[in-house]
Structures are given as structure tokens and as C-alpha cells.
Protein backbone atom coordinates (compact mmCIF):
# COMPACT_ATOMS: atom_id res chain seq x y z
CA UNK A 1 80.13 112.14 59.49
CA UNK A 2 82.56 110.78 56.89
CA UNK A 3 85.52 111.63 59.09
CA UNK A 4 84.07 109.65 61.98
CA UNK A 5 83.46 106.64 59.72
CA UNK A 6 87.08 106.81 58.56
CA UNK A 7 88.20 107.10 62.20
CA UNK A 8 86.28 104.00 63.27
CA UNK A 9 87.60 102.06 60.25
CA UNK A 10 91.18 103.01 61.08
CA UNK A 11 90.64 102.03 64.72
CA UNK A 12 89.37 98.58 63.75
CA UNK A 13 92.23 98.18 61.27
CA UNK A 14 94.86 99.13 63.88
CA UNK A 15 93.33 96.70 66.38
CA UNK A 16 93.47 93.85 63.84
CA UNK A 17 97.08 94.62 62.89
CA UNK A 18 98.22 94.79 66.50
CA UNK A 19 96.49 91.53 67.40
CA UNK A 20 98.00 89.72 64.42
CA UNK A 21 101.46 91.13 65.15
CA UNK A 22 101.18 90.15 68.83
CA UNK A 23 100.19 86.61 67.87
CA UNK A 24 103.09 86.24 65.45
CA UNK A 25 105.54 87.71 67.95
CA UNK A 26 104.32 85.40 70.72
CA UNK A 27 104.55 82.29 68.54
CA UNK A 28 108.02 83.20 67.25
CA UNK A 29 109.32 83.84 70.77
CA UNK A 30 107.85 80.54 71.96
CA UNK A 31 109.59 78.74 69.10
CA UNK A 32 112.90 80.39 69.93
CA UNK A 33 112.59 79.42 73.60
CA UNK A 34 111.78 75.82 72.65
CA UNK A 35 114.80 75.60 70.35
CA UNK A 36 117.06 77.12 72.99
CA UNK A 37 115.85 74.57 75.54
CA UNK A 38 116.54 71.70 73.13
CA UNK A 39 120.05 72.97 72.35
CA UNK A 40 120.77 73.32 76.07
CA UNK A 41 119.50 69.82 76.81
CA UNK A 42 121.57 68.30 73.99
CA UNK A 43 124.64 70.36 74.92
CA UNK A 44 124.94 71.64 71.37
CA UNK A 45 126.35 74.98 70.34
CA UNK A 46 125.14 76.72 67.26
CA UNK A 47 128.06 77.87 65.13
CA UNK A 48 126.51 81.26 64.41
CA UNK A 49 126.32 82.24 68.10
CA UNK A 50 129.72 81.18 69.48
CA UNK A 51 131.45 84.53 69.04
CA UNK A 52 128.49 86.82 69.62
CA UNK A 53 128.30 89.08 72.65
CA UNK A 54 125.60 88.25 75.15
CA UNK A 55 123.43 91.10 76.45
CA UNK A 56 122.41 90.38 80.05
CA UNK A 57 120.61 93.69 80.60
CA UNK A 58 116.89 93.81 81.26
CA UNK A 59 114.86 94.43 78.13
CA UNK A 60 111.71 96.43 78.75
CA UNK A 61 108.93 95.24 76.48
CA UNK A 62 106.24 97.90 76.26
CA UNK A 63 104.66 96.47 73.12
CA UNK A 64 104.91 93.31 71.05
CA UNK A 65 105.13 95.47 67.91
CA UNK A 66 108.80 96.49 67.44
CA UNK A 67 108.30 100.00 66.06
CA UNK A 68 105.63 100.77 68.65
CA UNK A 69 107.89 99.46 71.41
CA UNK A 70 110.70 101.77 70.26
CA UNK A 71 108.31 104.71 70.17
CA UNK A 72 106.96 104.01 73.66
CA UNK A 73 110.48 103.68 75.09
CA UNK A 74 111.00 107.32 74.16
CA UNK A 75 107.87 108.49 75.97
CA UNK A 76 108.05 109.67 79.60
CA UNK A 77 104.69 108.22 80.60
CA UNK A 78 105.34 104.69 79.26
CA UNK A 79 107.59 103.50 82.16
CA UNK A 80 105.04 104.83 84.64
CA UNK A 81 102.23 102.90 82.95
CA UNK A 82 104.42 99.79 82.87
CA UNK A 83 105.07 100.11 86.62
CA UNK A 84 101.35 100.63 87.18
CA UNK A 85 100.54 97.44 85.26
CA UNK A 86 103.15 95.52 87.25
CA UNK A 87 101.77 96.82 90.54
CA UNK A 88 98.28 95.72 89.43
CA UNK A 89 99.69 92.25 88.60
CA UNK A 90 98.33 92.43 85.04
CA UNK A 91 100.12 90.82 82.08
CA UNK A 92 99.13 93.62 79.71
CA UNK A 93 101.61 95.68 77.77
CA UNK A 94 101.53 99.46 77.70
CA UNK A 95 100.39 99.43 74.08
CA UNK A 96 97.48 97.12 74.97
CA UNK A 97 96.35 99.51 77.71
CA UNK A 98 96.57 102.51 75.38
CA UNK A 99 94.70 100.58 72.69
CA UNK A 100 91.89 99.72 75.10
CA UNK A 101 91.64 103.37 76.13
CA UNK A 102 91.41 104.41 72.47
CA UNK A 103 88.70 101.82 71.74
CA UNK A 104 86.70 102.94 74.78
CA UNK A 105 86.96 106.49 73.46
CA UNK A 106 86.29 106.04 69.74
CA UNK A 107 83.39 103.57 69.65
CA UNK A 108 81.11 105.17 72.31
CA UNK A 109 81.83 108.67 70.99
CA UNK A 110 80.91 107.61 67.46
CA UNK A 111 77.70 105.83 68.54
CA UNK A 112 76.57 108.75 70.69
CA UNK A 113 77.31 111.17 67.86
CA UNK A 114 75.18 109.13 65.49
CA UNK A 115 72.31 109.27 67.98
CA UNK A 116 72.55 112.84 69.27
CA UNK A 117 74.47 114.69 66.50
CA UNK A 118 76.24 116.66 69.26
CA UNK A 119 79.99 116.40 68.69
CA UNK A 120 81.10 118.13 71.91
CA UNK A 121 78.86 115.95 74.08
CA UNK A 122 80.05 112.83 72.23
CA UNK A 123 83.69 113.75 72.75
CA UNK A 124 83.14 114.38 76.47
CA UNK A 125 81.44 111.01 76.92
CA UNK A 126 84.23 109.35 74.91
CA UNK A 127 86.92 110.97 77.05
CA UNK A 128 85.11 109.88 80.22
CA UNK A 129 84.76 106.27 79.01
CA UNK A 130 88.36 106.15 77.78
CA UNK A 131 89.49 106.19 81.41
CA UNK A 132 87.62 102.95 82.21
CA UNK A 133 90.64 100.64 81.48
CA UNK A 134 92.91 102.90 83.52
CA UNK A 135 90.41 102.92 86.40
CA UNK A 136 90.29 99.11 86.26
CA UNK A 137 94.09 98.93 86.47
CA UNK A 138 94.16 101.36 89.40
CA UNK A 139 91.45 99.35 91.17
CA UNK A 140 93.41 96.11 90.71
CA UNK A 141 96.52 97.88 92.01
CA UNK A 142 94.65 99.12 95.09
CA UNK A 143 93.27 95.65 95.83
CA UNK A 144 96.74 94.13 95.54
CA UNK A 145 98.26 96.76 97.84
CA UNK A 146 95.48 96.21 100.38
CA UNK A 147 96.16 92.47 100.32
CA UNK A 148 99.88 93.18 100.78
CA UNK A 149 99.20 95.49 103.71
CA UNK A 150 96.82 93.03 105.38
CA UNK A 151 99.35 90.20 105.24
CA UNK A 152 102.33 92.33 106.29
CA UNK A 153 101.89 91.95 110.11
CA UNK A 154 101.88 88.14 109.89
CA UNK A 155 104.97 88.24 107.69
CA UNK A 156 106.72 90.52 110.18
CA UNK A 157 105.82 88.12 112.99
CA UNK A 158 107.39 85.31 110.97
CA UNK A 159 110.59 87.32 110.47
CA UNK A 160 110.67 88.28 114.16
CA UNK A 161 110.44 84.62 115.15
CA UNK A 162 113.26 83.72 112.76
CA UNK A 163 115.56 86.51 113.99
CA UNK A 164 114.88 85.67 117.66
CA UNK A 165 115.78 82.07 116.85
CA UNK A 166 119.22 83.25 115.72
CA UNK A 167 118.78 83.81 111.98
CA UNK A 168 120.12 86.89 110.25
CA UNK A 169 117.88 89.44 108.55
CA UNK A 170 118.73 88.01 105.11
CA UNK A 171 117.80 84.50 106.24
CA UNK A 172 114.56 85.84 107.72
CA UNK A 173 113.84 87.62 104.44
CA UNK A 174 114.39 84.38 102.55
CA UNK A 175 112.06 82.56 104.94
CA UNK A 176 109.36 85.21 104.46
CA UNK A 177 109.76 84.99 100.69
CA UNK A 178 109.20 81.24 100.82
CA UNK A 179 106.38 81.12 103.37
CA UNK A 180 104.40 84.32 102.85
CA UNK A 181 101.52 84.29 100.34
CA UNK A 182 101.40 86.49 97.28
CA UNK A 183 101.91 89.35 96.75
CA UNK A 184 104.23 89.58 99.80
CA UNK A 185 106.15 86.41 98.98
CA UNK A 186 106.68 87.46 95.37
CA UNK A 187 107.99 90.94 96.23
CA UNK A 188 110.22 89.70 99.05
CA UNK A 189 111.58 87.00 96.75
CA UNK A 190 112.58 89.64 94.18
CA UNK A 191 114.24 91.71 96.90
CA UNK A 192 116.13 88.68 98.27
CA UNK A 193 117.27 87.59 94.81
CA UNK A 194 118.51 91.08 93.95
CA UNK A 195 120.75 91.33 97.00
CA UNK A 196 121.72 87.66 96.71
CA UNK A 197 123.03 88.20 93.17
CA UNK A 198 125.25 91.11 94.19
CA UNK A 199 123.02 94.17 94.52
CA UNK A 200 123.47 96.24 97.65
CA UNK A 201 120.79 95.75 100.30
CA UNK A 202 120.01 99.47 100.27
CA UNK A 203 119.36 99.41 96.53
CA UNK A 204 117.30 96.22 96.73
CA UNK A 205 115.19 97.77 99.50
CA UNK A 206 114.76 100.94 97.46
CA UNK A 207 113.55 98.87 94.51
CA UNK A 208 111.08 97.10 96.81
CA UNK A 209 109.79 100.48 97.99
CA UNK A 210 109.37 101.56 94.36
CA UNK A 211 107.40 98.46 93.44
CA UNK A 212 105.23 98.63 96.58
CA UNK A 213 104.97 102.29 97.69
CA UNK A 214 103.18 101.68 100.99
CA UNK A 215 103.86 103.86 104.03
CA UNK A 216 104.13 100.89 106.41
CA UNK A 217 106.64 99.14 104.17
CA UNK A 218 108.69 102.34 103.85
CA UNK A 219 108.88 102.58 107.66
CA UNK A 220 110.09 98.97 107.86
CA UNK A 221 112.68 99.54 105.13
CA UNK A 222 113.94 102.70 106.84
CA UNK A 223 114.24 100.88 110.18
CA UNK A 224 116.13 98.04 108.51
CA UNK A 225 118.64 100.35 106.84
CA UNK A 226 119.17 102.34 110.06
CA UNK A 227 119.78 99.11 111.98
CA UNK A 228 122.36 98.05 109.39
CA UNK A 229 124.22 101.34 109.85
CA UNK A 230 123.95 101.94 113.59
CA UNK A 231 122.86 98.61 115.08
CA UNK A 232 119.91 97.81 117.32
CA UNK A 233 117.29 95.19 118.01
CA UNK A 234 115.62 94.77 114.62
CA UNK A 235 113.29 92.02 115.88
CA UNK A 236 111.79 94.38 118.45
CA UNK A 237 111.33 97.08 115.82
CA UNK A 238 109.50 94.66 113.52
CA UNK A 239 107.35 93.46 116.42
CA UNK A 240 106.24 97.01 117.24
CA UNK A 241 105.69 97.80 113.55
CA UNK A 242 103.39 94.78 113.23
CA UNK A 243 101.41 95.99 116.25
CA UNK A 244 101.05 99.50 114.79
CA UNK A 245 99.89 98.14 111.41
CA UNK A 246 97.23 95.99 113.11
CA UNK A 247 95.97 98.99 115.08
CA UNK A 248 95.80 101.07 111.91
CA UNK A 249 93.66 98.41 110.25
CA UNK A 250 91.36 98.26 113.26
CA UNK A 251 90.93 102.04 113.19
CA UNK A 252 90.45 102.04 109.42
CA UNK A 253 87.69 99.43 109.64
CA UNK A 254 85.98 101.45 112.36
CA UNK A 255 86.07 104.55 110.14
CA UNK A 256 84.62 102.55 107.24
CA UNK A 257 81.68 101.56 109.43
CA UNK A 258 80.98 105.15 110.52
CA UNK A 259 81.23 106.55 106.98
CA UNK A 260 79.22 103.81 105.24
CA UNK A 261 76.04 105.91 105.10
CA UNK A 262 77.88 108.91 103.64
CA UNK A 263 79.58 106.80 100.98
CA UNK A 264 76.28 105.17 100.00
CA UNK A 265 74.65 108.61 99.78
CA UNK A 266 77.44 109.81 97.50
CA UNK A 267 77.03 106.85 95.13
CA UNK A 268 73.24 107.27 94.99
CA UNK A 269 73.37 111.02 94.35
CA UNK A 270 76.05 110.54 91.68
CA UNK A 271 74.39 107.70 89.75
CA UNK A 272 70.74 108.69 90.20
CA UNK A 273 70.72 111.44 87.50
CA UNK A 274 72.35 109.14 84.95
CA UNK A 275 70.08 106.16 85.65
CA UNK A 276 66.98 108.36 85.77
CA UNK A 277 67.92 110.04 82.48
CA UNK A 278 68.38 106.69 80.73
CA UNK A 279 65.06 105.44 82.10
CA UNK A 280 63.21 108.57 80.96
CA UNK A 281 64.80 108.31 77.52
CA UNK A 282 63.57 104.72 77.21
CA UNK A 283 60.07 105.79 78.24
CA UNK A 284 59.86 109.02 76.22
CA UNK A 285 62.71 109.53 73.72
CA UNK A 286 61.22 112.68 72.18
CA UNK A 287 61.02 114.48 75.53
CA UNK A 288 64.54 113.60 76.68
CA UNK A 289 66.08 114.35 73.28
CA UNK A 290 65.35 118.04 73.87
CA UNK A 291 68.38 118.10 76.17
CA UNK A 292 70.77 117.71 73.23
CA UNK A 293 68.66 119.02 70.37
CA UNK A 294 68.18 122.54 71.76
CA UNK A 295 70.91 124.96 72.87
CA UNK A 296 69.35 125.59 76.28
CA UNK A 297 69.08 121.82 76.84
CA UNK A 298 72.75 121.31 76.00
CA UNK A 299 73.74 124.06 78.46
CA UNK A 300 71.60 122.50 81.18
CA UNK A 301 73.15 119.10 80.44
CA UNK A 302 76.67 120.46 80.79
CA UNK A 303 75.77 122.35 83.97
CA UNK A 304 74.11 119.33 85.59
CA UNK A 305 77.04 117.07 84.72
CA UNK A 306 79.54 119.57 86.16
CA UNK A 307 77.57 120.02 89.38
CA UNK A 308 77.14 116.25 89.77
CA UNK A 309 80.88 115.69 89.47
CA UNK A 310 81.66 118.51 91.91
CA UNK A 311 79.12 117.18 94.41
CA UNK A 312 80.54 113.66 94.16
CA UNK A 313 84.06 114.96 94.79
CA UNK A 314 82.91 116.99 97.80
CA UNK A 315 81.14 113.99 99.34
CA UNK A 316 84.20 111.83 98.68
CA UNK A 317 86.40 114.42 100.39
CA UNK A 318 84.10 114.43 103.44
CA UNK A 319 83.88 110.66 103.93
CA UNK A 320 87.50 109.87 103.00
CA UNK A 321 89.88 109.90 105.96
CA UNK A 322 93.54 108.97 105.86
CA UNK A 323 94.73 106.85 108.77
């Protein structure tokens, strides 16, 4: 009991320290940018920076706290989380995501332990709820990729029209970056700027494939690189790729219609035990509390939770079809 109180206190303390440090870091960086803009506008040179070397490399900021940023740079999972946050178009740092996961773990686990006095059950619920921020990020990433994939055929049609009018592929890419909506315009703009500032087209395309790992985009990138090596009608390839993508979307929507009942059944069967248990606890707390106050009740609770998760995964496997 005392250990959990200490844990919650430390969690609140860490949150306060990180928020204060982030605020100070943000304000100091804003002040530095303002001063730099003023010096550039007035054409002044500060005497203490004339002979210093300028570092033009990209600086990965995983946390606004310096020591935490250095620690995260040494972790293997931190760059993956940073890429995941970028793909979800969220302005969070990796430390903010990890902090949210810790808060979603510590507070519910502590409250459930105070109510049920079952430490294993509290830890399991805490671990399950700690994945909520990560699930939110993955959901935002999926929505952004779906929007990218839906707008890709129109963007390809725009590039096909430009290339048939006599423009090169680079000019067509620049046109798509200017005219296409986000997120396509943003990603194509990054790809165009990378090759425009001296990066090889193959490397810029590989970076685009890393930022947006969609199968349709990988096919387009592969066709572009093959055309650069061996030649061919790239406009015709893009035209056929746009047609295939549209047909895939039509087939995917048809599958969603046919599997709607199965998906709804899966959600109902997965959430019904939880909702029904909460309702019965509100009506009769003494009766429902037997599930975590007696050993046989705890075993039944674990067994029902395991079978519910397995059933939900089986239903998801049945109704989920890759096109």
C-alpha cells in the first residue's frame, strides 16, 4: 500500500518536472529563434559566433529534457516510436508518448488496487490501459495512410497529364507536391526537396517509402526507378497503377459491406461482458465483488478475460481480408 502511494507520488512529480522543463525549453528556443531573426534582418554578426563551426546535420529531438533525450537516443525503440509519431502526424515527442503510457498504467492500476486489493488483476488492467496512447497513435497513422492511399490515384493522374504534356518526372513531382492535398503534397514535397538539394533520386524515393510504407506507393517507386535505369513510358505505367488502385478500393469497400455484420458481432461479443460486469457491479457491488475477493472468482475472471480476447482475435481474423 505504501509502495503504491510512493509510486503515484513519484509519477506526479516526474510529470510536473517534465512539463516545467518542456515549457522552459520551448520558451528559450523561441527566444533564440527571435534573436537570430533580428540579427539576420539587421545584418549583424555576433562576435562570439564568427569562428565557430556550423553543424548542418539533422538533430533528432526525442525529448525536450536534455538528459532524457540523450538516454532515448541510445535506445533501439526510440527511433521507431519517433517514426510512428511522424507517420501519425502528431507533434508529440517520444518522451511524451512514454509518459502518457506510464500515466495510463500507474493511475488506473493504483485505483483498481485500492478498490479490489488484487495486485495481479490491477497490474493486468494497468498494462492493458497503458497501450491506449499507443493505440491512438496507430489509429491516427492508419487514418493518415488511408487518406494518402485514397488521394494517390488523383495525384498519379495529375502527374500523368504533366508528363504527357512534355514535363519531366521531376517537374511532375514538383507539380504534384504543390497541387496535391496533405498528406500526399507534404510527402512529395519532402521527396522533391531532398533530390533537389543534391540527394540521389533513388535515396529520396527510398526515404519516401520509409515514411509512407504503402504497397501501392512501393510499386510506383519501383516502376519509377526501373524506368530511370532501363527507359520506358512512365506515364502509361502511372496511368495503369492509378486504375489498379481504384479497383482495389472498390473491392475493399465491397468486402467491408459483406463483413459488416461479422465485425459488429465481434465488437458486441467483446464489449458485452465488460459492460454487463460494470452494470452488475453498480446494481449489486457485494455480489460482483466475489469475483476478486475469492480465489475461484479470480480464476474465473482470468479465464473469461482470456477467452474473450481469444474469441475477439478469432473473429477479427475471420472478417479481416487483405486486398
